Structure formats: structure tokens, C-alpha cells
Amino acid sequence: RTPLVVTPTVLVKGGQPRACIVVGSRNSPEVLPRIQSAAQELQATLRDVTGALLPIMQERELRGSEVTIVLGASETAERWGVTVTELPPDGFRIVSISNGVLLRGRDTRVLRQPYTDQGEQGTYWAVLDFLERFAGVRWYFPGPDGTSFTRGSDLQVPPVFLQDAPLFCKREIQARGPALRLHAAHLRSGQSTEVPTI
């Protein structure tokens, strides 16, 4: 789709943060921990890539002048008319707005399963897609040595309005232990619907 704005969004300049990461105020209590975790991973990964530590804020704390990366369901997304209910399971959108970027996906309660999590986590997939597409991050195998990116001191997002969703509702990798489960998530392993694990 055509972007809603025509100017790029500067997130980091000269190794200094020019934006903040915002947890949307419309996220339900059952998905809020996942959104907060996604915000922390976004913050840590952008620090590794650019050297800049973007602060994490709650949407209610905003004064209105900040450049933002807004995660999940939010008043900001509602003002811009960015919805996700019509997307396929686990679908997400990455949308440029004035002074910011929206990372919003379909999110439901997530249940821990033996190999992968079960439930929609579209906002997390939006964060991972954002890191790949705009920060050049790649996850080749578990652990920090398996993460690849080119360090730089600047990061900006061109005007964008994109959406995506997994092709399959059940995408499992048999991964046990924190490092392997995180790597499986980076590869978009998950279950969008309640399908029994064999």
C-alpha cells in the first residue's frame, strides 16, 4: 500500500538515540508481557547494531513531540486508522507515521507448548521483520555468535506501509531450552491456532 507519510523517520543519528520505543496503551493484559518482551528485544538489538540505547516508554507517558516506534495496539494506531483484525492469523503491519513507525500485529494469549508457543504474536513478528528489513539483522543459529549485522551509527526508516503473515498456522521447530526456543522464534516458529502437537 501507499505509505501514509512521505518523509523518512530518523531513529538513530551519530550513535545517539533520536526516538523511543513505546508500548501501546491498548494492549490487553494477556498480551502485554509479550509486547514488553518484544520492546526489550528491539531495544537490545538496536543497541548492538547502532550503539544507541532507545528508551522504552508507555504510551501514556508521551508528551506528543517524541519520535516513536509504537508496538502493538495503541491510541496512536487508532488515530492513524491502522488496524489488523482483517489480516490473516499472526499477520502484522509496519507503517510509517508522522514522527514514528507503528509495529502492530494480531496478538492473542500465548500458551507455552513443548516445542513452540501457541497463539498469535503478530506484533513480535513485526519487530523481527523490522530488525531484518531496516537494521539488517540475520539470525543464522542460536546464540549471539549466530546473529549477524553490520554496525553503524545511523538508522532511519523510509516511508513504508507493509503487511505480512505466515503462510502456515502451524510452524514448529523442535527446540528445547531458552537459546533454541529464542532461535526458533527468530525463524518465526509458532502456532497461530490451537492445533495439537503430535
C-alpha atoms as a PDB file:
ATOM      1  CA  ARG A   1       0.000   0.000   0.000  1.00  0.00           C
ATOM      2  CA  THR A   2       0.979   3.614  -0.359  1.00  0.00           C
ATOM      3  CA  PRO A   3       2.786   4.979   2.729  1.00  0.00           C
ATOM      4  CA  LEU A   4       0.832   7.430   4.864  1.00  0.00           C
ATOM      5  CA  VAL A   5       3.771   9.884   5.003  1.00  0.00           C
ATOM      6  CA  VAL A   6       6.496  10.932   2.566  1.00  0.00           C
ATOM      7  CA  THR A   7       9.473  11.625   4.825  1.00  0.00           C
ATOM      8  CA  PRO A   8      11.834   9.059   6.400  1.00  0.00           C
ATOM      9  CA  THR A   9      11.874   8.545  10.159  1.00  0.00           C
ATOM     10  CA  VAL A  10      15.276   9.057  11.812  1.00  0.00           C
ATOM     11  CA  LEU A  11      15.682   6.696  14.769  1.00  0.00           C
ATOM     12  CA  VAL A  12      19.431   6.965  15.448  1.00  0.00           C
ATOM     13  CA  LYS A  13      21.902   9.649  14.313  1.00  0.00           C
ATOM     14  CA  GLY A  14      25.610   9.569  15.052  1.00  0.00           C
ATOM     15  CA  GLY A  15      25.156   6.774  17.564  1.00  0.00           C
ATOM     16  CA  GLN A  16      22.654   8.830  19.575  1.00  0.00           C
ATOM     17  CA  PRO A  17      19.000   7.878  20.003  1.00  0.00           C
ATOM     18  CA  ARG A  18      16.516  10.145  18.230  1.00  0.00           C
ATOM     19  CA  ALA A  19      13.480   8.018  19.076  1.00  0.00           C
ATOM     20  CA  CYS A  20      11.907   5.962  21.834  1.00  0.00           C
ATOM     21  CA  ILE A  21      10.231   2.557  21.860  1.00  0.00           C
ATOM     22  CA  VAL A  22       6.632   2.782  23.024  1.00  0.00           C
ATOM     23  CA  VAL A  23       4.418   0.047  24.462  1.00  0.00           C
ATOM     24  CA  GLY A  24       0.920   0.756  23.173  1.00  0.00           C
ATOM     25  CA  SER A  25      -1.765   1.546  25.732  1.00  0.00           C
ATOM     26  CA  ARG A  26      -4.442  -0.615  24.077  1.00  0.00           C
ATOM     27  CA  ASN A  27      -2.663  -3.953  24.545  1.00  0.00           C
ATOM     28  CA  SER A  28      -4.740  -6.361  26.621  1.00  0.00           C
ATOM     29  CA  PRO A  29      -3.298  -7.714  29.892  1.00  0.00           C
ATOM     30  CA  GLU A  30      -2.922 -11.190  28.401  1.00  0.00           C
ATOM     31  CA  VAL A  31      -0.648  -9.994  25.573  1.00  0.00           C
ATOM     32  CA  LEU A  32       1.127  -7.158  27.393  1.00  0.00           C
ATOM     33  CA  PRO A  33       4.043  -9.310  28.692  1.00  0.00           C
ATOM     34  CA  ARG A  34       4.801 -10.433  25.129  1.00  0.00           C
ATOM     35  CA  ILE A  35       4.736  -6.829  23.866  1.00  0.00           C
ATOM     36  CA  GLN A  36       7.036  -5.710  26.681  1.00  0.00           C
ATOM     37  CA  SER A  37       9.422  -8.561  25.901  1.00  0.00           C
ATOM     38  CA  ALA A  38       9.390  -7.593  22.217  1.00  0.00           C
ATOM     39  CA  ALA A  39      10.196  -3.985  23.194  1.00  0.00           C
ATOM     40  CA  GLN A  40      13.176  -5.155  25.254  1.00  0.00           C
ATOM     41  CA  GLU A  41      14.493  -7.329  22.422  1.00  0.00           C
ATOM     42  CA  LEU A  42      14.075  -4.456  19.959  1.00  0.00           C
ATOM     43  CA  GLN A  43      15.934  -2.121  22.313  1.00  0.00           C
ATOM     44  CA  ALA A  44      18.815  -4.554  22.918  1.00  0.00           C
ATOM     45  CA  THR A  45      19.221  -5.446  19.243  1.00  0.00           C
ATOM     46  CA  LEU A  46      19.185  -1.818  18.073  1.00  0.00           C
ATOM     47  CA  ARG A  47      21.797  -1.025  20.729  1.00  0.00           C
ATOM     48  CA  ASP A  48      24.001  -3.823  19.340  1.00  0.00           C
ATOM     49  CA  VAL A  49      23.559  -2.535  15.785  1.00  0.00           C
ATOM     50  CA  THR A  50      23.874   1.228  16.364  1.00  0.00           C
ATOM     51  CA  GLY A  51      25.346   1.700  19.837  1.00  0.00           C
ATOM     52  CA  ALA A  52      22.288   3.791  20.792  1.00  0.00           C
ATOM     53  CA  LEU A  53      20.004   2.843  23.670  1.00  0.00           C
ATOM     54  CA  LEU A  54      16.460   3.840  22.738  1.00  0.00           C
ATOM     55  CA  PRO A  55      14.397   4.304  25.900  1.00  0.00           C
ATOM     56  CA  ILE A  56      11.248   2.242  26.419  1.00  0.00           C
ATOM     57  CA  MET A  57       8.176   4.232  27.401  1.00  0.00           C
ATOM     58  CA  GLN A  58       4.499   3.637  27.975  1.00  0.00           C
ATOM     59  CA  GLU A  59       2.183   5.413  25.547  1.00  0.00           C
ATOM     60  CA  ARG A  60       0.515   7.378  28.360  1.00  0.00           C
ATOM     61  CA  GLU A  61       3.926   8.928  29.184  1.00  0.00           C
ATOM     62  CA  LEU A  62       4.319  10.574  25.783  1.00  0.00           C
ATOM     63  CA  ARG A  63       4.276  14.354  25.545  1.00  0.00           C
ATOM     64  CA  GLY A  64       3.458  14.351  21.831  1.00  0.00           C
ATOM     65  CA  SER A  65       6.726  15.603  20.353  1.00  0.00           C
ATOM     66  CA  GLU A  66       8.774  12.387  20.514  1.00  0.00           C
ATOM     67  CA  VAL A  67       9.824  10.254  17.562  1.00  0.00           C
ATOM     68  CA  THR A  68       8.419   6.833  18.371  1.00  0.00           C
ATOM     69  CA  ILE A  69       8.393   3.153  17.466  1.00  0.00           C
ATOM     70  CA  VAL A  70       4.972   2.112  18.767  1.00  0.00           C
ATOM     71  CA  LEU A  71       4.379  -1.570  19.489  1.00  0.00           C
ATOM     72  CA  GLY A  72       1.044  -3.341  19.470  1.00  0.00           C
ATOM     73  CA  ALA A  73      -2.453  -1.966  19.951  1.00  0.00           C
ATOM     74  CA  SER A  74      -2.286   1.744  20.684  1.00  0.00           C
ATOM     75  CA  GLU A  75      -4.136   5.019  20.646  1.00  0.00           C
ATOM     76  CA  THR A  76      -1.635   6.162  18.010  1.00  0.00           C
ATOM     77  CA  ALA A  77      -2.591   3.303  15.675  1.00  0.00           C
ATOM     78  CA  GLU A  78      -6.261   4.091  16.217  1.00  0.00           C
ATOM     79  CA  ARG A  79      -5.708   7.763  15.321  1.00  0.00           C
ATOM     80  CA  TRP A  80      -3.976   6.714  12.088  1.00  0.00           C
ATOM     81  CA  GLY A  81      -6.589   4.060  11.270  1.00  0.00           C
ATOM     82  CA  VAL A  82      -4.050   1.204  11.253  1.00  0.00           C
ATOM     83  CA  THR A  83      -5.980  -1.973  12.050  1.00  0.00           C
ATOM     84  CA  VAL A  84      -5.036  -5.650  11.948  1.00  0.00           C
ATOM     85  CA  THR A  85      -8.287  -7.548  12.533  1.00  0.00           C
ATOM     86  CA  GLU A  86      -8.730  -8.111   8.795  1.00  0.00           C
ATOM     87  CA  LEU A  87      -5.266  -9.697   8.409  1.00  0.00           C
ATOM     88  CA  PRO A  88      -4.638 -13.474   8.347  1.00  0.00           C
ATOM     89  CA  PRO A  89      -3.610 -15.208  11.610  1.00  0.00           C
ATOM     90  CA  ASP A  90      -0.336 -13.823  13.011  1.00  0.00           C
ATOM     91  CA  GLY A  91      -0.481 -11.001  10.449  1.00  0.00           C
ATOM     92  CA  PHE A  92       1.226  -7.684  11.060  1.00  0.00           C
ATOM     93  CA  ARG A  93       1.780  -4.220   9.639  1.00  0.00           C
ATOM     94  CA  ILE A  94       4.783  -1.891   9.682  1.00  0.00           C
ATOM     95  CA  VAL A  95       3.586   1.641   8.964  1.00  0.00           C
ATOM     96  CA  SER A  96       5.375   4.994   8.868  1.00  0.00           C
ATOM     97  CA  ILE A  97       3.533   7.865  10.522  1.00  0.00           C
ATOM     98  CA  SER A  98       4.468  11.446  11.319  1.00  0.00           C
ATOM     99  CA  ASN A  99       7.356  11.252  13.794  1.00  0.00           C
ATOM    100  CA  GLY A 100       7.328   7.497  14.047  1.00  0.00           C
ATOM    101  CA  VAL A 101       6.702   3.938  12.977  1.00  0.00           C
ATOM    102  CA  LEU A 102       3.892   1.584  14.009  1.00  0.00           C
ATOM    103  CA  LEU A 103       4.663  -2.106  14.537  1.00  0.00           C
ATOM    104  CA  ARG A 104       1.272  -3.726  15.035  1.00  0.00           C
ATOM    105  CA  GLY A 105       0.118  -7.297  14.656  1.00  0.00           C
ATOM    106  CA  ARG A 106      -2.622  -9.694  15.584  1.00  0.00           C
ATOM    107  CA  ASP A 107      -1.972 -10.758  19.165  1.00  0.00           C
ATOM    108  CA  THR A 108      -3.747 -13.274  21.384  1.00  0.00           C
ATOM    109  CA  ARG A 109      -2.942 -15.069  24.615  1.00  0.00           C
ATOM    110  CA  VAL A 110       0.159 -17.230  24.095  1.00  0.00           C
ATOM    111  CA  LEU A 111       0.380 -20.690  25.654  1.00  0.00           C
ATOM    112  CA  ARG A 112       3.723 -22.385  26.276  1.00  0.00           C
ATOM    113  CA  GLN A 113       3.984 -25.712  24.470  1.00  0.00           C
ATOM    114  CA  PRO A 114       6.786 -28.323  24.427  1.00  0.00           C
ATOM    115  CA  TYR A 115       8.449 -27.023  21.252  1.00  0.00           C
ATOM    116  CA  THR A 116       6.962 -23.648  20.423  1.00  0.00           C
ATOM    117  CA  ASP A 117       4.489 -21.112  21.724  1.00  0.00           C
ATOM    118  CA  GLN A 118       0.840 -21.345  20.726  1.00  0.00           C
ATOM    119  CA  GLY A 119      -1.195 -18.246  19.935  1.00  0.00           C
ATOM    120  CA  GLU A 120      -0.978 -15.230  17.664  1.00  0.00           C
ATOM    121  CA  GLN A 121       2.015 -12.953  18.216  1.00  0.00           C
ATOM    122  CA  GLY A 122       1.893 -10.706  15.190  1.00  0.00           C
ATOM    123  CA  THR A 123       3.492  -7.711  16.906  1.00  0.00           C
ATOM    124  CA  TYR A 124       6.554  -9.814  17.771  1.00  0.00           C
ATOM    125  CA  TRP A 125       6.802 -10.924  14.136  1.00  0.00           C
ATOM    126  CA  ALA A 126       6.579  -7.246  13.146  1.00  0.00           C
ATOM    127  CA  VAL A 127       9.527  -6.463  15.434  1.00  0.00           C
ATOM    128  CA  LEU A 128      11.620  -9.268  13.940  1.00  0.00           C
ATOM    129  CA  ASP A 129      10.711  -8.262  10.388  1.00  0.00           C
ATOM    130  CA  PHE A 130      11.579  -4.641  11.229  1.00  0.00           C
ATOM    131  CA  LEU A 131      15.005  -5.683  12.555  1.00  0.00           C
ATOM    132  CA  GLU A 132      15.709  -7.754   9.456  1.00  0.00           C
ATOM    133  CA  ARG A 133      14.404  -5.277   6.913  1.00  0.00           C
ATOM    134  CA  PHE A 134      15.653  -1.963   8.336  1.00  0.00           C
ATOM    135  CA  ALA A 135      18.534  -2.862  10.689  1.00  0.00           C
ATOM    136  CA  GLY A 136      19.974  -5.677   8.565  1.00  0.00           C
ATOM    137  CA  VAL A 137      19.844  -8.291  11.331  1.00  0.00           C
ATOM    138  CA  ARG A 138      20.018 -12.001  10.492  1.00  0.00           C
ATOM    139  CA  TRP A 139      19.760 -14.984  12.852  1.00  0.00           C
ATOM    140  CA  TYR A 140      21.666 -17.954  11.439  1.00  0.00           C
ATOM    141  CA  PHE A 141      21.982 -20.184  14.517  1.00  0.00           C
ATOM    142  CA  PRO A 142      21.324 -19.910  18.268  1.00  0.00           C
ATOM    143  CA  GLY A 143      23.222 -17.511  20.486  1.00  0.00           C
ATOM    144  CA  PRO A 144      24.969 -14.188  19.910  1.00  0.00           C
ATOM    145  CA  ASP A 145      27.574 -15.743  17.601  1.00  0.00           C
ATOM    146  CA  GLY A 146      24.768 -16.760  15.244  1.00  0.00           C
ATOM    147  CA  THR A 147      23.428 -13.207  14.927  1.00  0.00           C
ATOM    148  CA  SER A 148      24.766 -11.173  12.007  1.00  0.00           C
ATOM    149  CA  PHE A 149      24.516  -7.445  11.276  1.00  0.00           C
ATOM    150  CA  THR A 150      26.653  -4.541  10.111  1.00  0.00           C
ATOM    151  CA  ARG A 151      27.299  -1.981  12.832  1.00  0.00           C
ATOM    152  CA  GLY A 152      26.503   1.629  12.046  1.00  0.00           C
ATOM    153  CA  SER A 153      25.808   4.845  13.868  1.00  0.00           C
ATOM    154  CA  ASP A 154      22.724   5.913  11.881  1.00  0.00           C
ATOM    155  CA  LEU A 155      19.350   4.284  11.364  1.00  0.00           C
ATOM    156  CA  GLN A 156      16.362   5.650   9.506  1.00  0.00           C
ATOM    157  CA  VAL A 157      13.208   4.086   8.115  1.00  0.00           C
ATOM    158  CA  PRO A 158      11.973   5.167   4.682  1.00  0.00           C
ATOM    159  CA  PRO A 159       8.239   5.808   4.224  1.00  0.00           C
ATOM    160  CA  VAL A 160       6.633   2.393   4.416  1.00  0.00           C
ATOM    161  CA  PHE A 161       3.270   0.670   4.657  1.00  0.00           C
ATOM    162  CA  LEU A 162       3.747  -3.065   4.516  1.00  0.00           C
ATOM    163  CA  GLN A 163       1.952  -6.092   5.809  1.00  0.00           C
ATOM    164  CA  ASP A 164       2.781  -9.775   6.019  1.00  0.00           C
ATOM    165  CA  ALA A 165       1.644 -13.000   7.647  1.00  0.00           C
ATOM    166  CA  PRO A 166       2.916 -16.577   7.886  1.00  0.00           C
ATOM    167  CA  LEU A 167       1.624 -18.890   5.174  1.00  0.00           C
ATOM    168  CA  PHE A 168       1.023 -21.729   7.635  1.00  0.00           C
ATOM    169  CA  CYS A 169      -0.729 -21.587  11.016  1.00  0.00           C
ATOM    170  CA  LYS A 170       1.456 -24.369  12.448  1.00  0.00           C
ATOM    171  CA  ARG A 171       5.215 -23.819  12.072  1.00  0.00           C
ATOM    172  CA  GLU A 172       7.191 -25.897  14.550  1.00  0.00           C
ATOM    173  CA  ILE A 173      10.876 -26.473  15.113  1.00  0.00           C
ATOM    174  CA  GLN A 174      11.682 -28.928  17.888  1.00  0.00           C
ATOM    175  CA  ALA A 175      13.575 -26.581  20.182  1.00  0.00           C
ATOM    176  CA  ARG A 176      14.170 -27.074  23.902  1.00  0.00           C
ATOM    177  CA  GLY A 177      15.980 -24.674  26.177  1.00  0.00           C
ATOM    178  CA  PRO A 178      15.939 -20.861  26.145  1.00  0.00           C
ATOM    179  CA  ALA A 179      18.538 -20.317  23.409  1.00  0.00           C
ATOM    180  CA  LEU A 180      16.975 -22.788  20.994  1.00  0.00           C
ATOM    181  CA  ARG A 181      13.450 -21.519  21.688  1.00  0.00           C
ATOM    182  CA  LEU A 182      14.559 -17.943  21.002  1.00  0.00           C
ATOM    183  CA  HIS A 183      16.240 -19.022  17.775  1.00  0.00           C
ATOM    184  CA  ALA A 184      13.094 -20.885  16.735  1.00  0.00           C
ATOM    185  CA  ALA A 185      11.106 -17.699  17.372  1.00  0.00           C
ATOM    186  CA  HIS A 186      13.557 -15.717  15.227  1.00  0.00           C
ATOM    187  CA  LEU A 187      12.760 -18.191  12.450  1.00  0.00           C
ATOM    188  CA  ARG A 188       9.021 -17.463  13.049  1.00  0.00           C
ATOM    189  CA  SER A 189       8.279 -20.846  14.591  1.00  0.00           C
ATOM    190  CA  GLY A 190       4.862 -20.810  16.192  1.00  0.00           C
ATOM    191  CA  GLN A 191       1.247 -21.947  16.183  1.00  0.00           C
ATOM    192  CA  SER A 192      -1.372 -19.377  15.290  1.00  0.00           C
ATOM    193  CA  THR A 193      -4.241 -21.656  16.266  1.00  0.00           C
ATOM    194  CA  GLU A 194      -4.867 -24.403  18.795  1.00  0.00           C
ATOM    195  CA  VAL A 195      -3.580 -27.363  16.812  1.00  0.00           C
ATOM    196  CA  PRO A 196      -2.479 -30.330  18.957  1.00  0.00           C
ATOM    197  CA  THR A 197       1.243 -31.071  18.972  1.00  0.00           C
ATOM    198  CA  ILE A 198       1.995 -34.633  17.928  1.00  0.00           C
END
